[in-house]
Amino acid sequence: MSVQNVAPDGQQPASTPTTGTLMVDATGRVGEFRGEWCGRWSLRPVNGGTEWTVDPDDVEPASAEQRIHAETARANARSRGEIL
């Protein structure tokens, strides 16, 4: 007998992204994936700051446009000396 990892509603569970992957939460906030703990994912703001946790079903990978915007914001913050 094989066991499948399927949620009760029939949806496949979200696969864990690699550390540093840019993700967008349900509010539209972009953050870097930092890890998973007790079924919750931890995201860190691209420009630095306090991490927040999200339900894996409430996030998706950032689009190309969102990634470019986040990476540009990070580069600008770094040039101003706000983050290393």
PDB file of N, CA and C in Angstrom:
ATOM      1  N   MET A   1       0.849  -1.179   0.000  1.00  0.00           N
ATOM      2  CA  MET A   1       0.000   0.000   0.000  1.00  0.00           C
ATOM      3  C   MET A   1       0.889   1.234   0.000  1.00  0.00           C
ATOM      4  N   SER A   2       0.610   2.164  -0.902  1.00  0.00           N
ATOM      5  CA  SER A   2       1.415   3.388  -0.944  1.00  0.00           C
ATOM      6  C   SER A   2       0.673   4.511  -0.237  1.00  0.00           C
ATOM      7  N   VAL A   3       1.446   5.372   0.366  1.00  0.00           N
ATOM      8  CA  VAL A   3       0.889   6.519   1.083  1.00  0.00           C
ATOM      9  C   VAL A   3       1.220   7.761   0.288  1.00  0.00           C
ATOM     10  N   GLN A   4       0.220   8.581   0.044  1.00  0.00           N
ATOM     11  CA  GLN A   4       0.441   9.825  -0.681  1.00  0.00           C
ATOM     12  C   GLN A   4       0.338  10.997   0.274  1.00  0.00           C
ATOM     13  N   ASN A   5       1.157  12.003   0.041  1.00  0.00           N
ATOM     14  CA  ASN A   5       1.153  13.213   0.855  1.00  0.00           C
ATOM     15  C   ASN A   5       0.215  14.226   0.206  1.00  0.00           C
ATOM     16  N   VAL A   6      -1.097  14.066   0.491  1.00  0.00           N
ATOM     17  CA  VAL A   6      -2.103  14.934  -0.093  1.00  0.00           C
ATOM     18  C   VAL A   6      -2.911  15.560   1.025  1.00  0.00           C
ATOM     19  N   ALA A   7      -3.152  16.857   0.917  1.00  0.00           N
ATOM     20  CA  ALA A   7      -3.944  17.569   1.915  1.00  0.00           C
ATOM     21  C   ALA A   7      -5.389  17.070   1.877  1.00  0.00           C
ATOM     22  N   PRO A   8      -6.130  17.226   2.992  1.00  0.00           N
ATOM     23  CA  PRO A   8      -7.511  16.765   3.037  1.00  0.00           C
ATOM     24  C   PRO A   8      -8.412  17.356   1.956  1.00  0.00           C
ATOM     25  N   ASP A   9      -8.105  18.568   1.497  1.00  0.00           N
ATOM     26  CA  ASP A   9      -8.937  19.188   0.468  1.00  0.00           C
ATOM     27  C   ASP A   9      -8.538  18.738  -0.930  1.00  0.00           C
ATOM     28  N   GLY A  10      -7.579  17.803  -1.029  1.00  0.00           N
ATOM     29  CA  GLY A  10      -7.162  17.251  -2.311  1.00  0.00           C
ATOM     30  C   GLY A  10      -6.026  17.989  -2.979  1.00  0.00           C
ATOM     31  N   GLN A  11      -5.618  19.144  -2.434  1.00  0.00           N
ATOM     32  CA  GLN A  11      -4.521  19.904  -3.017  1.00  0.00           C
ATOM     33  C   GLN A  11      -3.192  19.298  -2.595  1.00  0.00           C
ATOM     34  N   GLN A  12      -2.222  19.408  -3.474  1.00  0.00           N
ATOM     35  CA  GLN A  12      -0.876  18.957  -3.152  1.00  0.00           C
ATOM     36  C   GLN A  12      -0.241  19.952  -2.181  1.00  0.00           C
ATOM     37  N   PRO A  13       0.522  19.481  -1.194  1.00  0.00           N
ATOM     38  CA  PRO A  13       1.185  20.410  -0.288  1.00  0.00           C
ATOM     39  C   PRO A  13       2.252  21.205  -1.027  1.00  0.00           C
ATOM     40  N   ALA A  14       2.514  22.402  -0.533  1.00  0.00           N
ATOM     41  CA  ALA A  14       3.529  23.258  -1.146  1.00  0.00           C
ATOM     42  C   ALA A  14       4.910  22.661  -0.915  1.00  0.00           C
ATOM     43  N   SER A  15       5.742  22.670  -1.956  1.00  0.00           N
ATOM     44  CA  SER A  15       7.097  22.161  -1.785  1.00  0.00           C
ATOM     45  C   SER A  15       7.953  23.270  -1.173  1.00  0.00           C
ATOM     46  N   THR A  16       8.905  22.883  -0.347  1.00  0.00           N
ATOM     47  CA  THR A  16       9.753  23.843   0.353  1.00  0.00           C
ATOM     48  C   THR A  16      10.768  24.433  -0.625  1.00  0.00           C
ATOM     49  N   PRO A  17      10.790  25.765  -0.771  1.00  0.00           N
ATOM     50  CA  PRO A  17      11.759  26.394  -1.671  1.00  0.00           C
ATOM     51  C   PRO A  17      13.163  26.387  -1.066  1.00  0.00           C
ATOM     52  N   THR A  18      14.138  26.708  -1.871  1.00  0.00           N
ATOM     53  CA  THR A  18      15.505  26.802  -1.360  1.00  0.00           C
ATOM     54  C   THR A  18      15.667  28.132  -0.631  1.00  0.00           C
ATOM     55  N   THR A  19      16.580  28.150   0.317  1.00  0.00           N
ATOM     56  CA  THR A  19      16.853  29.363   1.087  1.00  0.00           C
ATOM     57  C   THR A  19      17.253  30.490   0.141  1.00  0.00           C
ATOM     58  N   GLY A  20      16.669  31.663   0.351  1.00  0.00           N
ATOM     59  CA  GLY A  20      16.968  32.828  -0.474  1.00  0.00           C
ATOM     60  C   GLY A  20      15.982  33.060  -1.598  1.00  0.00           C
ATOM     61  N   THR A  21      15.088  32.092  -1.850  1.00  0.00           N
ATOM     62  CA  THR A  21      14.092  32.258  -2.902  1.00  0.00           C
ATOM     63  C   THR A  21      13.151  33.408  -2.532  1.00  0.00           C
ATOM     64  N   LEU A  22      12.891  34.283  -3.471  1.00  0.00           N
ATOM     65  CA  LEU A  22      11.976  35.391  -3.216  1.00  0.00           C
ATOM     66  C   LEU A  22      10.544  34.896  -3.343  1.00  0.00           C
ATOM     67  N   MET A  23       9.757  35.166  -2.298  1.00  0.00           N
ATOM     68  CA  MET A  23       8.375  34.720  -2.222  1.00  0.00           C
ATOM     69  C   MET A  23       7.482  35.926  -1.959  1.00  0.00           C
ATOM     70  N   VAL A  24       6.212  35.808  -2.311  1.00  0.00           N
ATOM     71  CA  VAL A  24       5.222  36.853  -2.070  1.00  0.00           C
ATOM     72  C   VAL A  24       4.127  36.258  -1.195  1.00  0.00           C
ATOM     73  N   ASP A  25       3.815  36.948  -0.084  1.00  0.00           N
ATOM     74  CA  ASP A  25       2.753  36.447   0.791  1.00  0.00           C
ATOM     75  C   ASP A  25       1.398  36.969   0.339  1.00  0.00           C
ATOM     76  N   ALA A  26       0.352  36.602   1.046  1.00  0.00           N
ATOM     77  CA  ALA A  26      -1.019  36.952   0.668  1.00  0.00           C
ATOM     78  C   ALA A  26      -1.261  38.460   0.662  1.00  0.00           C
ATOM     79  N   THR A  27      -0.448  39.220   1.397  1.00  0.00           N
ATOM     80  CA  THR A  27      -0.618  40.679   1.434  1.00  0.00           C
ATOM     81  C   THR A  27       0.149  41.379   0.316  1.00  0.00           C
ATOM     82  N   GLY A  28       0.959  40.616  -0.443  1.00  0.00           N
ATOM     83  CA  GLY A  28       1.758  41.196  -1.516  1.00  0.00           C
ATOM     84  C   GLY A  28       3.167  41.559  -1.097  1.00  0.00           C
ATOM     85  N   ARG A  29       3.509  41.265   0.142  1.00  0.00           N
ATOM     86  CA  ARG A  29       4.840  41.574   0.669  1.00  0.00           C
ATOM     87  C   ARG A  29       5.850  40.548   0.149  1.00  0.00           C
ATOM     88  N   VAL A  30       6.979  41.031  -0.365  1.00  0.00           N
ATOM     89  CA  VAL A  30       8.027  40.169  -0.908  1.00  0.00           C
ATOM     90  C   VAL A  30       9.077  39.925   0.164  1.00  0.00           C
ATOM     91  N   GLY A  31       9.490  38.682   0.314  1.00  0.00           N
ATOM     92  CA  GLY A  31      10.524  38.341   1.277  1.00  0.00           C
ATOM     93  C   GLY A  31      11.340  37.151   0.813  1.00  0.00           C
ATOM     94  N   GLU A  32      12.530  37.023   1.378  1.00  0.00           N
ATOM     95  CA  GLU A  32      13.397  35.876   1.095  1.00  0.00           C
ATOM     96  C   GLU A  32      12.990  34.715   1.981  1.00  0.00           C
ATOM     97  N   PHE A  33      12.867  33.538   1.391  1.00  0.00           N
ATOM     98  CA  PHE A  33      12.577  32.353   2.179  1.00  0.00           C
ATOM     99  C   PHE A  33      13.797  32.036   3.043  1.00  0.00           C
ATOM    100  N   ARG A  34      13.588  31.858   4.356  1.00  0.00           N
ATOM    101  CA  ARG A  34      14.688  31.586   5.283  1.00  0.00           C
ATOM    102  C   ARG A  34      14.653  30.181   5.861  1.00  0.00           C
ATOM    103  N   GLY A  35      13.492  29.566   5.892  1.00  0.00           N
ATOM    104  CA  GLY A  35      13.419  28.221   6.428  1.00  0.00           C
ATOM    105  C   GLY A  35      12.006  27.860   6.848  1.00  0.00           C
ATOM    106  N   GLU A  36      11.877  26.623   7.361  1.00  0.00           N
ATOM    107  CA  GLU A  36      10.580  26.103   7.770  1.00  0.00           C
ATOM    108  C   GLU A  36      10.677  25.614   9.203  1.00  0.00           C
ATOM    109  N   TRP A  37       9.638  25.893   9.985  1.00  0.00           N
ATOM    110  CA  TRP A  37       9.611  25.454  11.373  1.00  0.00           C
ATOM    111  C   TRP A  37       8.172  25.154  11.752  1.00  0.00           C
ATOM    112  N   CYS A  38       7.928  23.937  12.153  1.00  0.00           N
ATOM    113  CA  CYS A  38       6.593  23.513  12.617  1.00  0.00           C
ATOM    114  C   CYS A  38       5.495  23.804  11.594  1.00  0.00           C
ATOM    115  N   GLY A  39       5.795  23.583  10.331  1.00  0.00           N
ATOM    116  CA  GLY A  39       4.796  23.764   9.294  1.00  0.00           C
ATOM    117  C   GLY A  39       4.595  25.191   8.829  1.00  0.00           C
ATOM    118  N   ARG A  40       5.351  26.132   9.352  1.00  0.00           N
ATOM    119  CA  ARG A  40       5.269  27.539   8.941  1.00  0.00           C
ATOM    120  C   ARG A  40       6.572  27.911   8.242  1.00  0.00           C
ATOM    121  N   TRP A  41       6.490  28.812   7.296  1.00  0.00           N
ATOM    122  CA  TRP A  41       7.670  29.281   6.590  1.00  0.00           C
ATOM    123  C   TRP A  41       8.064  30.651   7.119  1.00  0.00           C
ATOM    124  N   SER A  42       9.361  30.882   7.187  1.00  0.00           N
ATOM    125  CA  SER A  42       9.894  32.152   7.659  1.00  0.00           C
ATOM    126  C   SER A  42      10.411  32.934   6.458  1.00  0.00           C
ATOM    127  N   LEU A  43       9.960  34.179   6.348  1.00  0.00           N
ATOM    128  CA  LEU A  43      10.405  35.078   5.291  1.00  0.00           C
ATOM    129  C   LEU A  43      11.070  36.293   5.914  1.00  0.00           C
ATOM    130  N   ARG A  44      12.074  36.817   5.234  1.00  0.00           N
ATOM    131  CA  ARG A  44      12.779  38.008   5.713  1.00  0.00           C
ATOM    132  C   ARG A  44      12.617  39.112   4.681  1.00  0.00           C
ATOM    133  N   PRO A  45      12.343  40.333   5.120  1.00  0.00           N
ATOM    134  CA  PRO A  45      12.234  41.436   4.160  1.00  0.00           C
ATOM    135  C   PRO A  45      13.510  41.557   3.329  1.00  0.00           C
ATOM    136  N   VAL A  46      13.355  41.886   2.079  1.00  0.00           N
ATOM    137  CA  VAL A  46      14.500  41.982   1.170  1.00  0.00           C
ATOM    138  C   VAL A  46      15.479  43.052   1.618  1.00  0.00           C
ATOM    139  N   ASN A  47      14.984  44.142   2.176  1.00  0.00           N
ATOM    140  CA  ASN A  47      15.852  45.239   2.623  1.00  0.00           C
ATOM    141  C   ASN A  47      16.306  45.073   4.055  1.00  0.00           C
ATOM    142  N   GLY A  48      16.155  43.886   4.619  1.00  0.00           N
ATOM    143  CA  GLY A  48      16.516  43.654   6.008  1.00  0.00           C
ATOM    144  C   GLY A  48      15.337  43.949   6.913  1.00  0.00           C
ATOM    145  N   GLY A  49      15.447  43.525   8.131  1.00  0.00           N
ATOM    146  CA  GLY A  49      14.367  43.751   9.084  1.00  0.00           C
ATOM    147  C   GLY A  49      13.945  42.447   9.744  1.00  0.00           C
ATOM    148  N   THR A  50      12.831  42.514  10.432  1.00  0.00           N
ATOM    149  CA  THR A  50      12.341  41.390  11.206  1.00  0.00           C
ATOM    150  C   THR A  50      11.662  40.360  10.307  1.00  0.00           C
ATOM    151  N   GLU A  51      12.021  39.102  10.504  1.00  0.00           N
ATOM    152  CA  GLU A  51      11.387  38.021   9.764  1.00  0.00           C
ATOM    153  C   GLU A  51       9.947  37.862  10.207  1.00  0.00           C
ATOM    154  N   TRP A  52       9.130  37.307   9.322  1.00  0.00           N
ATOM    155  CA  TRP A  52       7.757  36.979   9.683  1.00  0.00           C
ATOM    156  C   TRP A  52       7.457  35.574   9.189  1.00  0.00           C
ATOM    157  N   THR A  53       6.444  34.967   9.767  1.00  0.00           N
ATOM    158  CA  THR A  53       6.088  33.605   9.378  1.00  0.00           C
ATOM    159  C   THR A  53       4.785  33.615   8.602  1.00  0.00           C
ATOM    160  N   VAL A  54       4.675  32.660   7.702  1.00  0.00           N
ATOM    161  CA  VAL A  54       3.486  32.540   6.862  1.00  0.00           C
ATOM    162  C   VAL A  54       3.106  31.070   6.731  1.00  0.00           C
ATOM    163  N   ASP A  55       1.872  30.846   6.410  1.00  0.00           N
ATOM    164  CA  ASP A  55       1.409  29.504   6.082  1.00  0.00           C
ATOM    165  C   ASP A  55       1.878  29.221   4.654  1.00  0.00           C
ATOM    166  N   PRO A  56       2.458  28.053   4.398  1.00  0.00           N
ATOM    167  CA  PRO A  56       2.955  27.752   3.048  1.00  0.00           C
ATOM    168  C   PRO A  56       1.893  27.876   1.953  1.00  0.00           C
ATOM    169  N   ASP A  57       0.623  27.690   2.292  1.00  0.00           N
ATOM    170  CA  ASP A  57      -0.437  27.813   1.294  1.00  0.00           C
ATOM    171  C   ASP A  57      -0.737  29.262   0.941  1.00  0.00           C
ATOM    172  N   ASP A  58      -0.200  30.212   1.713  1.00  0.00           N
ATOM    173  CA  ASP A  58      -0.482  31.633   1.498  1.00  0.00           C
ATOM    174  C   ASP A  58       0.653  32.374   0.813  1.00  0.00           C
ATOM    175  N   VAL A  59       1.606  31.655   0.235  1.00  0.00           N
ATOM    176  CA  VAL A  59       2.718  32.303  -0.464  1.00  0.00           C
ATOM    177  C   VAL A  59       2.907  31.673  -1.833  1.00  0.00           C
ATOM    178  N   GLU A  60       3.555  32.424  -2.688  1.00  0.00           N
ATOM    179  CA  GLU A  60       3.899  31.930  -4.017  1.00  0.00           C
ATOM    180  C   GLU A  60       5.222  32.543  -4.426  1.00  0.00           C
ATOM    181  N   PRO A  61       5.920  31.924  -5.364  1.00  0.00           N
ATOM    182  CA  PRO A  61       7.185  32.514  -5.825  1.00  0.00           C
ATOM    183  C   PRO A  61       6.930  33.881  -6.445  1.00  0.00           C
ATOM    184  N   ALA A  62       7.879  34.777  -6.267  1.00  0.00           N
ATOM    185  CA  ALA A  62       7.766  36.126  -6.825  1.00  0.00           C
ATOM    186  C   ALA A  62       7.847  36.056  -8.345  1.00  0.00           C
ATOM    187  N   SER A  63       7.081  36.914  -9.002  1.00  0.00           N
ATOM    188  CA  SER A  63       7.140  37.002 -10.461  1.00  0.00           C
ATOM    189  C   SER A  63       8.455  37.676 -10.855  1.00  0.00           C
ATOM    190  N   ALA A  64       8.757  37.650 -12.130  1.00  0.00           N
ATOM    191  CA  ALA A  64       9.989  38.300 -12.614  1.00  0.00           C
ATOM    192  C   ALA A  64       9.980  39.790 -12.263  1.00  0.00           C
ATOM    193  N   GLU A  65       8.841  40.444 -12.438  1.00  0.00           N
ATOM    194  CA  GLU A  65       8.725  41.870 -12.127  1.00  0.00           C
ATOM    195  C   GLU A  65       8.939  42.122 -10.636  1.00  0.00           C
ATOM    196  N   GLN A  66       8.354  41.286  -9.780  1.00  0.00           N
ATOM    197  CA  GLN A  66       8.512  41.450  -8.330  1.00  0.00           C
ATOM    198  C   GLN A  66       9.953  41.205  -7.904  1.00  0.00           C
ATOM    199  N   ARG A  67      10.628  40.221  -8.530  1.00  0.00           N
ATOM    200  CA  ARG A  67      12.033  39.947  -8.201  1.00  0.00           C
ATOM    201  C   ARG A  67      12.914  41.127  -8.572  1.00  0.00           C
ATOM    202  N   ILE A  68      12.717  41.685  -9.775  1.00  0.00           N
ATOM    203  CA  ILE A  68      13.524  42.829 -10.213  1.00  0.00           C
ATOM    204  C   ILE A  68      13.315  44.012  -9.280  1.00  0.00           C
ATOM    205  N   HIS A  69      12.068  44.284  -8.918  1.00  0.00           N
ATOM    206  CA  HIS A  69      11.769  45.390  -8.010  1.00  0.00           C
ATOM    207  C   HIS A  69      12.461  45.185  -6.662  1.00  0.00           C
ATOM    208  N   ALA A  70      12.364  43.971  -6.104  1.00  0.00           N
ATOM    209  CA  ALA A  70      12.975  43.682  -4.800  1.00  0.00           C
ATOM    210  C   ALA A  70      14.494  43.762  -4.869  1.00  0.00           C
ATOM    211  N   GLU A  71      15.090  43.231  -5.929  1.00  0.00           N
ATOM    212  CA  GLU A  71      16.545  43.252  -6.050  1.00  0.00           C
ATOM    213  C   GLU A  71      17.063  44.672  -6.252  1.00  0.00           C
ATOM    214  N   THR A  72      16.318  45.496  -6.970  1.00  0.00           N
ATOM    215  CA  THR A  72      16.698  46.903  -7.141  1.00  0.00           C
ATOM    216  C   THR A  72      16.605  47.649  -5.810  1.00  0.00           C
ATOM    217  N   ALA A  73      15.543  47.386  -5.050  1.00  0.00           N
ATOM    218  CA  ALA A  73      15.404  48.020  -3.735  1.00  0.00           C
ATOM    219  C   ALA A  73      16.547  47.622  -2.811  1.00  0.00           C
ATOM    220  N   ARG A  74      16.953  46.348  -2.870  1.00  0.00           N
ATOM    221  CA  ARG A  74      18.070  45.882  -2.041  1.00  0.00           C
ATOM    222  C   ARG A  74      19.359  46.574  -2.454  1.00  0.00           C
ATOM    223  N   ALA A  75      19.614  46.657  -3.758  1.00  0.00           N
ATOM    224  CA  ALA A  75      20.836  47.305  -4.238  1.00  0.00           C
ATOM    225  C   ALA A  75      20.867  48.783  -3.836  1.00  0.00           C
ATOM    226  N   ASN A  76      19.727  49.453  -3.922  1.00  0.00           N
ATOM    227  CA  ASN A  76      19.666  50.857  -3.520  1.00  0.00           C
ATOM    228  C   ASN A  76      19.917  51.014  -2.017  1.00  0.00           C
ATOM    229  N   ALA A  77      19.327  50.140  -1.206  1.00  0.00           N
ATOM    230  CA  ALA A  77      19.540  50.202   0.245  1.00  0.00           C
ATOM    231  C   ALA A  77      21.008  49.946   0.575  1.00  0.00           C
ATOM    232  N   ARG A  78      21.616  48.997  -0.127  1.00  0.00           N
ATOM    233  CA  ARG A  78      23.033  48.703   0.106  1.00  0.00           C
ATOM    234  C   ARG A  78      23.895  49.891  -0.271  1.00  0.00           C
ATOM    235  N   SER A  79      23.565  50.576  -1.368  1.00  0.00           N
ATOM    236  CA  SER A  79      24.378  51.727  -1.797  1.00  0.00           C
ATOM    237  C   SER A  79      24.254  52.897  -0.820  1.00  0.00           C
ATOM    238  N   ARG A  80      23.139  52.956  -0.110  1.00  0.00           N
ATOM    239  CA  ARG A  80      22.960  53.989   0.911  1.00  0.00           C
ATOM    240  C   ARG A  80      23.552  53.582   2.258  1.00  0.00           C
ATOM    241  N   GLY A  81      24.094  52.374   2.342  1.00  0.00           N
ATOM    242  CA  GLY A  81      24.700  51.898   3.578  1.00  0.00           C
ATOM    243  C   GLY A  81      23.700  51.362   4.592  1.00  0.00           C
ATOM    244  N   GLU A  82      22.473  51.109   4.165  1.00  0.00           N
ATOM    245  CA  GLU A  82      21.455  50.633   5.072  1.00  0.00           C
ATOM    246  C   GLU A  82      21.571  49.150   5.382  1.00  0.00           C
ATOM    247  N   ILE A  83      22.062  48.360   4.437  1.00  0.00           N
ATOM    248  CA  ILE A  83      22.277  46.922   4.667  1.00  0.00           C
ATOM    249  C   ILE A  83      23.618  46.523   4.077  1.00  0.00           C
ATOM    250  N   LEU A  84      24.174  45.460   4.577  1.00  0.00           N
ATOM    251  CA  LEU A  84      25.456  44.947   4.048  1.00  0.00           C
ATOM    252  C   LEU A  84      25.225  43.816   3.096  1.00  0.00           C
TER     253      LEU A  84
END
